[in-house]
């Protein structure tokens, strides 16, 4: 059990599933209640390309990540590194 500081009531959440880059884009888009078409209109990225990204058929890339993140009101790292564990990576 991991606790935060001296608070025994706090239990860190465990990672339950792995999420791909495409899945992270889809999840954030759906949380914003946007369709692929609406996201396309906001970003200028064709709807077919958004679909391909969400299905991991096309790589997201840094520039697309920036454009999508701005439209989705999140940091690009949320989309590009969905499985990043800050505590684990900083200990390495």
PDB file of N, CA and C in Angstrom:
ATOM      1  N   UNK A   1       0.843  -1.182   0.000  1.00  0.00           N
ATOM      2  CA  UNK A   1       0.000   0.000   0.000  1.00  0.00           C
ATOM      3  C   UNK A   1       0.882   1.236   0.000  1.00  0.00           C
ATOM      4  N   UNK A   2       0.599   2.167  -0.893  1.00  0.00           N
ATOM      5  CA  UNK A   2       1.320   3.420  -0.960  1.00  0.00           C
ATOM      6  C   UNK A   2       0.502   4.489  -0.257  1.00  0.00           C
ATOM      7  N   UNK A   3       1.149   5.218   0.625  1.00  0.00           N
ATOM      8  CA  UNK A   3       0.447   6.299   1.300  1.00  0.00           C
ATOM      9  C   UNK A   3       1.104   7.612   0.952  1.00  0.00           C
ATOM     10  N   UNK A   4       0.359   8.673   1.053  1.00  0.00           N
ATOM     11  CA  UNK A   4       0.876  10.003   0.762  1.00  0.00           C
ATOM     12  C   UNK A   4       1.244  10.653   2.078  1.00  0.00           C
ATOM     13  N   UNK A   5       2.549  10.951   2.217  1.00  0.00           N
ATOM     14  CA  UNK A   5       2.997  11.572   3.456  1.00  0.00           C
ATOM     15  C   UNK A   5       2.689  10.667   4.627  1.00  0.00           C
ATOM     16  N   UNK A   6       2.111  11.241   5.649  1.00  0.00           N
ATOM     17  CA  UNK A   6       1.753  10.475   6.847  1.00  0.00           C
ATOM     18  C   UNK A   6       0.256  10.188   6.905  1.00  0.00           C
ATOM     19  N   UNK A   7      -0.442  10.387   5.808  1.00  0.00           N
ATOM     20  CA  UNK A   7      -1.883  10.184   5.782  1.00  0.00           C
ATOM     21  C   UNK A   7      -2.212   8.747   5.397  1.00  0.00           C
ATOM     22  N   UNK A   8      -2.541   7.901   6.376  1.00  0.00           N
ATOM     23  CA  UNK A   8      -2.842   6.501   6.066  1.00  0.00           C
ATOM     24  C   UNK A   8      -4.158   6.324   5.304  1.00  0.00           C
ATOM     25  N   UNK A   9      -4.984   7.368   5.226  1.00  0.00           N
ATOM     26  CA  UNK A   9      -6.253   7.270   4.504  1.00  0.00           C
ATOM     27  C   UNK A   9      -6.053   7.387   2.997  1.00  0.00           C
ATOM     28  N   UNK A  10      -4.906   7.904   2.579  1.00  0.00           N
ATOM     29  CA  UNK A  10      -4.629   8.090   1.157  1.00  0.00           C
ATOM     30  C   UNK A  10      -4.014   6.830   0.587  1.00  0.00           C
ATOM     31  N   UNK A  11      -4.606   6.306  -0.451  1.00  0.00           N
ATOM     32  CA  UNK A  11      -4.061   5.151  -1.154  1.00  0.00           C
ATOM     33  C   UNK A  11      -3.939   5.529  -2.616  1.00  0.00           C
ATOM     34  N   UNK A  12      -2.734   5.440  -3.149  1.00  0.00           N
ATOM     35  CA  UNK A  12      -2.507   5.803  -4.550  1.00  0.00           C
ATOM     36  C   UNK A  12      -3.271   4.848  -5.462  1.00  0.00           C
ATOM     37  N   UNK A  13      -3.815   5.401  -6.524  1.00  0.00           N
ATOM     38  CA  UNK A  13      -4.527   4.589  -7.504  1.00  0.00           C
ATOM     39  C   UNK A  13      -3.538   3.709  -8.260  1.00  0.00           C
ATOM     40  N   UNK A  14      -3.976   2.524  -8.609  1.00  0.00           N
ATOM     41  CA  UNK A  14      -3.145   1.632  -9.404  1.00  0.00           C
ATOM     42  C   UNK A  14      -3.563   1.732 -10.852  1.00  0.00           C
ATOM     43  N   UNK A  15      -2.596   1.604 -11.732  1.00  0.00           N
ATOM     44  CA  UNK A  15      -2.881   1.622 -13.158  1.00  0.00           C
ATOM     45  C   UNK A  15      -3.667   0.364 -13.497  1.00  0.00           C
ATOM     46  N   UNK A  16      -4.786   0.516 -14.163  1.00  0.00           N
ATOM     47  CA  UNK A  16      -5.663  -0.616 -14.454  1.00  0.00           C
ATOM     48  C   UNK A  16      -5.534  -1.116 -15.886  1.00  0.00           C
ATOM     49  N   UNK A  17      -5.328  -0.212 -16.845  1.00  0.00           N
ATOM     50  CA  UNK A  17      -5.247  -0.604 -18.243  1.00  0.00           C
ATOM     51  C   UNK A  17      -4.180   0.216 -18.954  1.00  0.00           C
ATOM     52  N   UNK A  18      -3.646  -0.347 -20.017  1.00  0.00           N
ATOM     53  CA  UNK A  18      -2.748   0.412 -20.869  1.00  0.00           C
ATOM     54  C   UNK A  18      -3.585   1.107 -21.932  1.00  0.00           C
ATOM     55  N   UNK A  19      -3.251   2.352 -22.209  1.00  0.00           N
ATOM     56  CA  UNK A  19      -3.976   3.149 -23.192  1.00  0.00           C
ATOM     57  C   UNK A  19      -2.990   3.563 -24.272  1.00  0.00           C
ATOM     58  N   UNK A  20      -3.352   3.350 -25.520  1.00  0.00           N
ATOM     59  CA  UNK A  20      -2.499   3.757 -26.629  1.00  0.00           C
ATOM     60  C   UNK A  20      -2.652   5.257 -26.868  1.00  0.00           C
ATOM     61  N   UNK A  21      -1.773   5.806 -27.679  1.00  0.00           N
ATOM     62  CA  UNK A  21      -1.854   7.219 -28.038  1.00  0.00           C
ATOM     63  C   UNK A  21      -3.202   7.508 -28.699  1.00  0.00           C
ATOM     64  N   UNK A  22      -3.607   6.674 -29.632  1.00  0.00           N
ATOM     65  CA  UNK A  22      -4.883   6.869 -30.304  1.00  0.00           C
ATOM     66  C   UNK A  22      -6.065   6.818 -29.352  1.00  0.00           C
ATOM     67  N   UNK A  23      -6.018   5.879 -28.431  1.00  0.00           N
ATOM     68  CA  UNK A  23      -7.095   5.775 -27.447  1.00  0.00           C
ATOM     69  C   UNK A  23      -7.140   7.006 -26.557  1.00  0.00           C
ATOM     70  N   UNK A  24      -5.964   7.558 -26.220  1.00  0.00           N
ATOM     71  CA  UNK A  24      -5.948   8.759 -25.376  1.00  0.00           C
ATOM     72  C   UNK A  24      -6.598   9.929 -26.102  1.00  0.00           C
ATOM     73  N   UNK A  25      -6.346  10.056 -27.401  1.00  0.00           N
ATOM     74  CA  UNK A  25      -6.984  11.117 -28.185  1.00  0.00           C
ATOM     75  C   UNK A  25      -8.496  10.931 -28.165  1.00  0.00           C
ATOM     76  N   UNK A  26      -8.945   9.706 -28.412  1.00  0.00           N
ATOM     77  CA  UNK A  26     -10.389   9.433 -28.428  1.00  0.00           C
ATOM     78  C   UNK A  26     -11.022   9.706 -27.069  1.00  0.00           C
ATOM     79  N   UNK A  27     -10.379   9.269 -25.997  1.00  0.00           N
ATOM     80  CA  UNK A  27     -10.932   9.453 -24.653  1.00  0.00           C
ATOM     81  C   UNK A  27     -11.072  10.938 -24.327  1.00  0.00           C
ATOM     82  N   UNK A  28     -10.030  11.707 -24.584  1.00  0.00           N
ATOM     83  CA  UNK A  28     -10.084  13.139 -24.276  1.00  0.00           C
ATOM     84  C   UNK A  28     -11.124  13.830 -25.162  1.00  0.00           C
ATOM     85  N   UNK A  29     -11.190  13.448 -26.437  1.00  0.00           N
ATOM     86  CA  UNK A  29     -12.199  14.024 -27.336  1.00  0.00           C
ATOM     87  C   UNK A  29     -13.602  13.740 -26.812  1.00  0.00           C
ATOM     88  N   UNK A  30     -13.845  12.498 -26.415  1.00  0.00           N
ATOM     89  CA  UNK A  30     -15.170  12.140 -25.917  1.00  0.00           C
ATOM     90  C   UNK A  30     -15.488  12.845 -24.596  1.00  0.00           C
ATOM     91  N   UNK A  31     -14.477  13.028 -23.748  1.00  0.00           N
ATOM     92  CA  UNK A  31     -14.705  13.767 -22.500  1.00  0.00           C
ATOM     93  C   UNK A  31     -15.089  15.221 -22.776  1.00  0.00           C
ATOM     94  N   UNK A  32     -14.605  15.758 -23.883  1.00  0.00           N
ATOM     95  CA  UNK A  32     -14.962  17.123 -24.291  1.00  0.00           C
ATOM     96  C   UNK A  32     -16.292  17.149 -25.058  1.00  0.00           C
ATOM     97  N   UNK A  33     -16.891  15.965 -25.221  1.00  0.00           N
ATOM     98  CA  UNK A  33     -18.168  15.805 -25.923  1.00  0.00           C
ATOM     99  C   UNK A  33     -18.104  16.344 -27.350  1.00  0.00           C
ATOM    100  N   UNK A  34     -16.996  16.018 -28.028  1.00  0.00           N
ATOM    101  CA  UNK A  34     -16.804  16.410 -29.417  1.00  0.00           C
ATOM    102  C   UNK A  34     -16.868  15.193 -30.320  1.00  0.00           C
ATOM    103  N   UNK A  35     -17.433  15.366 -31.496  1.00  0.00           N
ATOM    104  CA  UNK A  35     -17.364  14.329 -32.512  1.00  0.00           C
ATOM    105  C   UNK A  35     -16.036  14.493 -33.253  1.00  0.00           C
ATOM    106  N   UNK A  36     -15.681  13.479 -34.014  1.00  0.00           N
ATOM    107  CA  UNK A  36     -14.475  13.604 -34.835  1.00  0.00           C
ATOM    108  C   UNK A  36     -14.623  14.770 -35.811  1.00  0.00           C
ATOM    109  N   UNK A  37     -15.807  14.953 -36.362  1.00  0.00           N
ATOM    110  CA  UNK A  37     -16.062  16.053 -37.312  1.00  0.00           C
ATOM    111  C   UNK A  37     -15.869  17.404 -36.630  1.00  0.00           C
ATOM    112  N   UNK A  38     -16.387  17.552 -35.424  1.00  0.00           N
ATOM    113  CA  UNK A  38     -16.232  18.809 -34.688  1.00  0.00           C
ATOM    114  C   UNK A  38     -14.764  19.085 -34.375  1.00  0.00           C
ATOM    115  N   UNK A  39     -14.043  18.035 -33.982  1.00  0.00           N
ATOM    116  CA  UNK A  39     -12.613  18.203 -33.714  1.00  0.00           C
ATOM    117  C   UNK A  39     -11.876  18.563 -34.992  1.00  0.00           C
ATOM    118  N   UNK A  40     -12.274  17.981 -36.081  1.00  0.00           N
ATOM    119  CA  UNK A  40     -11.691  18.317 -37.377  1.00  0.00           C
ATOM    120  C   UNK A  40     -11.910  19.791 -37.711  1.00  0.00           C
ATOM    121  N   UNK A  41     -13.123  20.268 -37.479  1.00  0.00           N
ATOM    122  CA  UNK A  41     -13.438  21.669 -37.743  1.00  0.00           C
ATOM    123  C   UNK A  41     -12.612  22.605 -36.870  1.00  0.00           C
ATOM    124  N   UNK A  42     -12.362  22.203 -35.614  1.00  0.00           N
ATOM    125  CA  UNK A  42     -11.581  23.030 -34.691  1.00  0.00           C
ATOM    126  C   UNK A  42     -10.094  23.053 -35.035  1.00  0.00           C
ATOM    127  N   UNK A  43      -9.596  21.958 -35.615  1.00  0.00           N
ATOM    128  CA  UNK A  43      -8.149  21.817 -35.809  1.00  0.00           C
ATOM    129  C   UNK A  43      -7.688  21.954 -37.249  1.00  0.00           C
ATOM    130  N   UNK A  44      -8.587  21.747 -38.195  1.00  0.00           N
ATOM    131  CA  UNK A  44      -8.167  21.716 -39.593  1.00  0.00           C
ATOM    132  C   UNK A  44      -7.571  20.378 -40.002  1.00  0.00           C
ATOM    133  N   UNK A  45      -7.542  19.424 -39.076  1.00  0.00           N
ATOM    134  CA  UNK A  45      -7.068  18.074 -39.381  1.00  0.00           C
ATOM    135  C   UNK A  45      -8.250  17.302 -39.949  1.00  0.00           C
ATOM    136  N   UNK A  46      -8.091  16.682 -41.117  1.00  0.00           N
ATOM    137  CA  UNK A  46      -9.226  15.958 -41.709  1.00  0.00           C
ATOM    138  C   UNK A  46      -9.801  14.904 -40.757  1.00  0.00           C
ATOM    139  N   UNK A  47     -11.112  14.745 -40.798  1.00  0.00           N
ATOM    140  CA  UNK A  47     -11.786  13.763 -39.939  1.00  0.00           C
ATOM    141  C   UNK A  47     -11.226  12.371 -40.163  1.00  0.00           C
ATOM    142  N   UNK A  48     -10.917  12.025 -41.397  1.00  0.00           N
ATOM    143  CA  UNK A  48     -10.359  10.695 -41.691  1.00  0.00           C
ATOM    144  C   UNK A  48      -9.006  10.510 -40.998  1.00  0.00           C
ATOM    145  N   UNK A  49      -8.222  11.570 -40.908  1.00  0.00           N
ATOM    146  CA  UNK A  49      -6.927  11.489 -40.225  1.00  0.00           C
ATOM    147  C   UNK A  49      -7.130  11.327 -38.724  1.00  0.00           C
ATOM    148  N   UNK A  50      -8.096  12.042 -38.162  1.00  0.00           N
ATOM    149  CA  UNK A  50      -8.406  11.883 -36.732  1.00  0.00           C
ATOM    150  C   UNK A  50      -8.832  10.453 -36.449  1.00  0.00           C
ATOM    151  N   UNK A  51      -9.666   9.894 -37.308  1.00  0.00           N
ATOM    152  CA  UNK A  51     -10.086   8.502 -37.151  1.00  0.00           C
ATOM    153  C   UNK A  51      -8.880   7.570 -37.203  1.00  0.00           C
ATOM    154  N   UNK A  52      -7.994   7.799 -38.159  1.00  0.00           N
ATOM    155  CA  UNK A  52      -6.801   6.950 -38.289  1.00  0.00           C
ATOM    156  C   UNK A  52      -5.900   7.076 -37.066  1.00  0.00           C
ATOM    157  N   UNK A  53      -5.768   8.275 -36.505  1.00  0.00           N
ATOM    158  CA  UNK A  53      -4.969   8.478 -35.283  1.00  0.00           C
ATOM    159  C   UNK A  53      -5.606   7.697 -34.138  1.00  0.00           C
ATOM    160  N   UNK A  54      -6.916   7.854 -33.972  1.00  0.00           N
ATOM    161  CA  UNK A  54      -7.618   7.190 -32.868  1.00  0.00           C
ATOM    162  C   UNK A  54      -7.566   5.671 -32.977  1.00  0.00           C
ATOM    163  N   UNK A  55      -7.409   5.161 -34.175  1.00  0.00           N
ATOM    164  CA  UNK A  55      -7.318   3.715 -34.381  1.00  0.00           C
ATOM    165  C   UNK A  55      -5.876   3.250 -34.551  1.00  0.00           C
ATOM    166  N   UNK A  56      -4.937   4.135 -34.205  1.00  0.00           N
ATOM    167  CA  UNK A  56      -3.494   3.830 -34.233  1.00  0.00           C
ATOM    168  C   UNK A  56      -3.012   3.371 -35.604  1.00  0.00           C
ATOM    169  N   UNK A  57      -3.633   3.879 -36.655  1.00  0.00           N
ATOM    170  CA  UNK A  57      -3.175   3.585 -38.016  1.00  0.00           C
ATOM    171  C   UNK A  57      -2.225   4.664 -38.531  1.00  0.00           C
ATOM    172  N   UNK A  58      -2.285   5.845 -37.899  1.00  0.00           N
ATOM    173  CA  UNK A  58      -1.421   6.969 -38.257  1.00  0.00           C
ATOM    174  C   UNK A  58      -0.796   7.480 -36.973  1.00  0.00           C
ATOM    175  N   UNK A  59       0.508   7.765 -37.017  1.00  0.00           N
ATOM    176  CA  UNK A  59       1.180   8.302 -35.832  1.00  0.00           C
ATOM    177  C   UNK A  59       0.717   9.728 -35.579  1.00  0.00           C
ATOM    178  N   UNK A  60       0.607  10.076 -34.307  1.00  0.00           N
ATOM    179  CA  UNK A  60       0.127  11.393 -33.927  1.00  0.00           C
ATOM    180  C   UNK A  60       1.126  12.484 -34.313  1.00  0.00           C
ATOM    181  N   UNK A  61       2.357  12.358 -33.904  1.00  0.00           N
ATOM    182  CA  UNK A  61       3.376  13.358 -34.212  1.00  0.00           C
ATOM    183  C   UNK A  61       3.251  14.583 -33.319  1.00  0.00           C
ATOM    184  N   UNK A  62       4.367  15.279 -33.138  1.00  0.00           N
ATOM    185  CA  UNK A  62       4.423  16.417 -32.221  1.00  0.00           C
ATOM    186  C   UNK A  62       3.538  17.575 -32.671  1.00  0.00           C
ATOM    187  N   UNK A  63       3.575  17.916 -33.952  1.00  0.00           N
ATOM    188  CA  UNK A  63       2.793  19.064 -34.420  1.00  0.00           C
ATOM    189  C   UNK A  63       1.297  18.805 -34.319  1.00  0.00           C
ATOM    190  N   UNK A  64       0.856  17.627 -34.723  1.00  0.00           N
ATOM    191  CA  UNK A  64      -0.573  17.298 -34.589  1.00  0.00           C
ATOM    192  C   UNK A  64      -0.973  17.254 -33.119  1.00  0.00           C
ATOM    193  N   UNK A  65      -0.073  16.739 -32.268  1.00  0.00           N
ATOM    194  CA  UNK A  65      -0.374  16.673 -30.834  1.00  0.00           C
ATOM    195  C   UNK A  65      -0.610  18.071 -30.275  1.00  0.00           C
ATOM    196  N   UNK A  66       0.193  19.032 -30.689  1.00  0.00           N
ATOM    197  CA  UNK A  66       0.023  20.414 -30.215  1.00  0.00           C
ATOM    198  C   UNK A  66      -1.320  20.984 -30.658  1.00  0.00           C
ATOM    199  N   UNK A  67      -1.663  20.770 -31.921  1.00  0.00           N
ATOM    200  CA  UNK A  67      -2.924  21.294 -32.466  1.00  0.00           C
ATOM    201  C   UNK A  67      -4.115  20.638 -31.773  1.00  0.00           C
ATOM    202  N   UNK A  68      -4.069  19.312 -31.633  1.00  0.00           N
ATOM    203  CA  UNK A  68      -5.171  18.600 -30.979  1.00  0.00           C
ATOM    204  C   UNK A  68      -5.282  18.982 -29.507  1.00  0.00           C
ATOM    205  N   UNK A  69      -4.140  19.087 -28.825  1.00  0.00           N
ATOM    206  CA  UNK A  69      -4.158  19.432 -27.402  1.00  0.00           C
ATOM    207  C   UNK A  69      -4.775  20.817 -27.178  1.00  0.00           C
ATOM    208  N   UNK A  70      -4.455  21.754 -28.042  1.00  0.00           N
ATOM    209  CA  UNK A  70      -5.033  23.088 -27.905  1.00  0.00           C
ATOM    210  C   UNK A  70      -6.558  23.018 -28.048  1.00  0.00           C
ATOM    211  N   UNK A  71      -7.029  22.290 -29.039  1.00  0.00           N
ATOM    212  CA  UNK A  71      -8.469  22.162 -29.254  1.00  0.00           C
ATOM    213  C   UNK A  71      -9.143  21.386 -28.121  1.00  0.00           C
ATOM    214  N   UNK A  72      -8.417  20.410 -27.559  1.00  0.00           N
ATOM    215  CA  UNK A  72      -8.978  19.565 -26.501  1.00  0.00           C
ATOM    216  C   UNK A  72      -8.714  20.116 -25.098  1.00  0.00           C
ATOM    217  N   UNK A  73      -8.049  21.268 -25.043  1.00  0.00           N
ATOM    218  CA  UNK A  73      -7.787  21.951 -23.765  1.00  0.00           C
ATOM    219  C   UNK A  73      -7.012  21.071 -22.787  1.00  0.00           C
ATOM    220  N   UNK A  74      -5.936  20.459 -23.304  1.00  0.00           N
ATOM    221  CA  UNK A  74      -5.084  19.640 -22.449  1.00  0.00           C
ATOM    222  C   UNK A  74      -3.635  19.848 -22.871  1.00  0.00           C
ATOM    223  N   UNK A  75      -2.723  19.337 -22.091  1.00  0.00           N
ATOM    224  CA  UNK A  75      -1.299  19.407 -22.431  1.00  0.00           C
ATOM    225  C   UNK A  75      -1.006  18.336 -23.485  1.00  0.00           C
ATOM    226  N   UNK A  76      -0.151  18.627 -24.471  1.00  0.00           N
ATOM    227  CA  UNK A  76       0.164  17.614 -25.494  1.00  0.00           C
ATOM    228  C   UNK A  76       0.673  16.291 -24.910  1.00  0.00           C
ATOM    229  N   UNK A  77       1.355  16.350 -23.775  1.00  0.00           N
ATOM    230  CA  UNK A  77       1.881  15.124 -23.164  1.00  0.00           C
ATOM    231  C   UNK A  77       0.771  14.162 -22.760  1.00  0.00           C
ATOM    232  N   UNK A  78      -0.410  14.693 -22.458  1.00  0.00           N
ATOM    233  CA  UNK A  78      -1.549  13.836 -22.114  1.00  0.00           C
ATOM    234  C   UNK A  78      -1.880  12.918 -23.283  1.00  0.00           C
ATOM    235  N   UNK A  79      -1.717  13.443 -24.488  1.00  0.00           N
ATOM    236  CA  UNK A  79      -2.022  12.664 -25.692  1.00  0.00           C
ATOM    237  C   UNK A  79      -0.867  11.784 -26.125  1.00  0.00           C
ATOM    238  N   UNK A  80       0.348  12.323 -26.033  1.00  0.00           N
ATOM    239  CA  UNK A  80       1.525  11.630 -26.567  1.00  0.00           C
ATOM    240  C   UNK A  80       2.056  10.558 -25.624  1.00  0.00           C
ATOM    241  N   UNK A  81       1.951  10.790 -24.316  1.00  0.00           N
ATOM    242  CA  UNK A  81       2.484   9.851 -23.327  1.00  0.00           C
ATOM    243  C   UNK A  81       1.399   9.405 -22.353  1.00  0.00           C
ATOM    244  N   UNK A  82       0.374   8.683 -22.834  1.00  0.00           N
ATOM    245  CA  UNK A  82      -0.748   8.337 -21.952  1.00  0.00           C
ATOM    246  C   UNK A  82      -0.389   7.420 -20.797  1.00  0.00           C
ATOM    247  N   UNK A  83       0.652   6.630 -20.916  1.00  0.00           N
ATOM    248  CA  UNK A  83       1.005   5.703 -19.851  1.00  0.00           C
ATOM    249  C   UNK A  83       2.165   6.163 -18.996  1.00  0.00           C
ATOM    250  N   UNK A  84       2.571   7.407 -19.132  1.00  0.00           N
ATOM    251  CA  UNK A  84       3.741   7.925 -18.436  1.00  0.00           C
ATOM    252  C   UNK A  84       3.503   7.952 -16.939  1.00  0.00           C
ATOM    253  N   UNK A  85       4.406   7.349 -16.169  1.00  0.00           N
ATOM    254  CA  UNK A  85       4.344   7.341 -14.718  1.00  0.00           C
ATOM    255  C   UNK A  85       5.420   8.285 -14.217  1.00  0.00           C
ATOM    256  N   UNK A  86       5.041   9.469 -13.800  1.00  0.00           N
ATOM    257  CA  UNK A  86       5.989  10.499 -13.402  1.00  0.00           C
ATOM    258  C   UNK A  86       6.878  10.026 -12.257  1.00  0.00           C
ATOM    259  N   UNK A  87       6.281   9.417 -11.232  1.00  0.00           N
ATOM    260  CA  UNK A  87       7.070   8.964 -10.084  1.00  0.00           C
ATOM    261  C   UNK A  87       8.070   7.899 -10.491  1.00  0.00           C
ATOM    262  N   UNK A  88       7.637   6.932 -11.296  1.00  0.00           N
ATOM    263  CA  UNK A  88       8.528   5.851 -11.721  1.00  0.00           C
ATOM    264  C   UNK A  88       9.655   6.381 -12.600  1.00  0.00           C
ATOM    265  N   UNK A  89       9.337   7.262 -13.543  1.00  0.00           N
ATOM    266  CA  UNK A  89      10.338   7.782 -14.471  1.00  0.00           C
ATOM    267  C   UNK A  89      11.324   8.714 -13.788  1.00  0.00           C
ATOM    268  N   UNK A  90      10.879   9.467 -12.775  1.00  0.00           N
ATOM    269  CA  UNK A  90      11.785  10.384 -12.090  1.00  0.00           C
ATOM    270  C   UNK A  90      12.728   9.644 -11.148  1.00  0.00           C
ATOM    271  N   UNK A  91      12.370   8.412 -10.774  1.00  0.00           N
ATOM    272  CA  UNK A  91      13.232   7.622  -9.894  1.00  0.00           C
ATOM    273  C   UNK A  91      14.334   6.912 -10.679  1.00  0.00           C
ATOM    274  N   UNK A  92      14.168   6.825 -11.983  1.00  0.00           N
ATOM    275  CA  UNK A  92      15.132   6.099 -12.820  1.00  0.00           C
ATOM    276  C   UNK A  92      16.429   6.826 -12.991  1.00  0.00           C
TER     277      UNK A  92
END
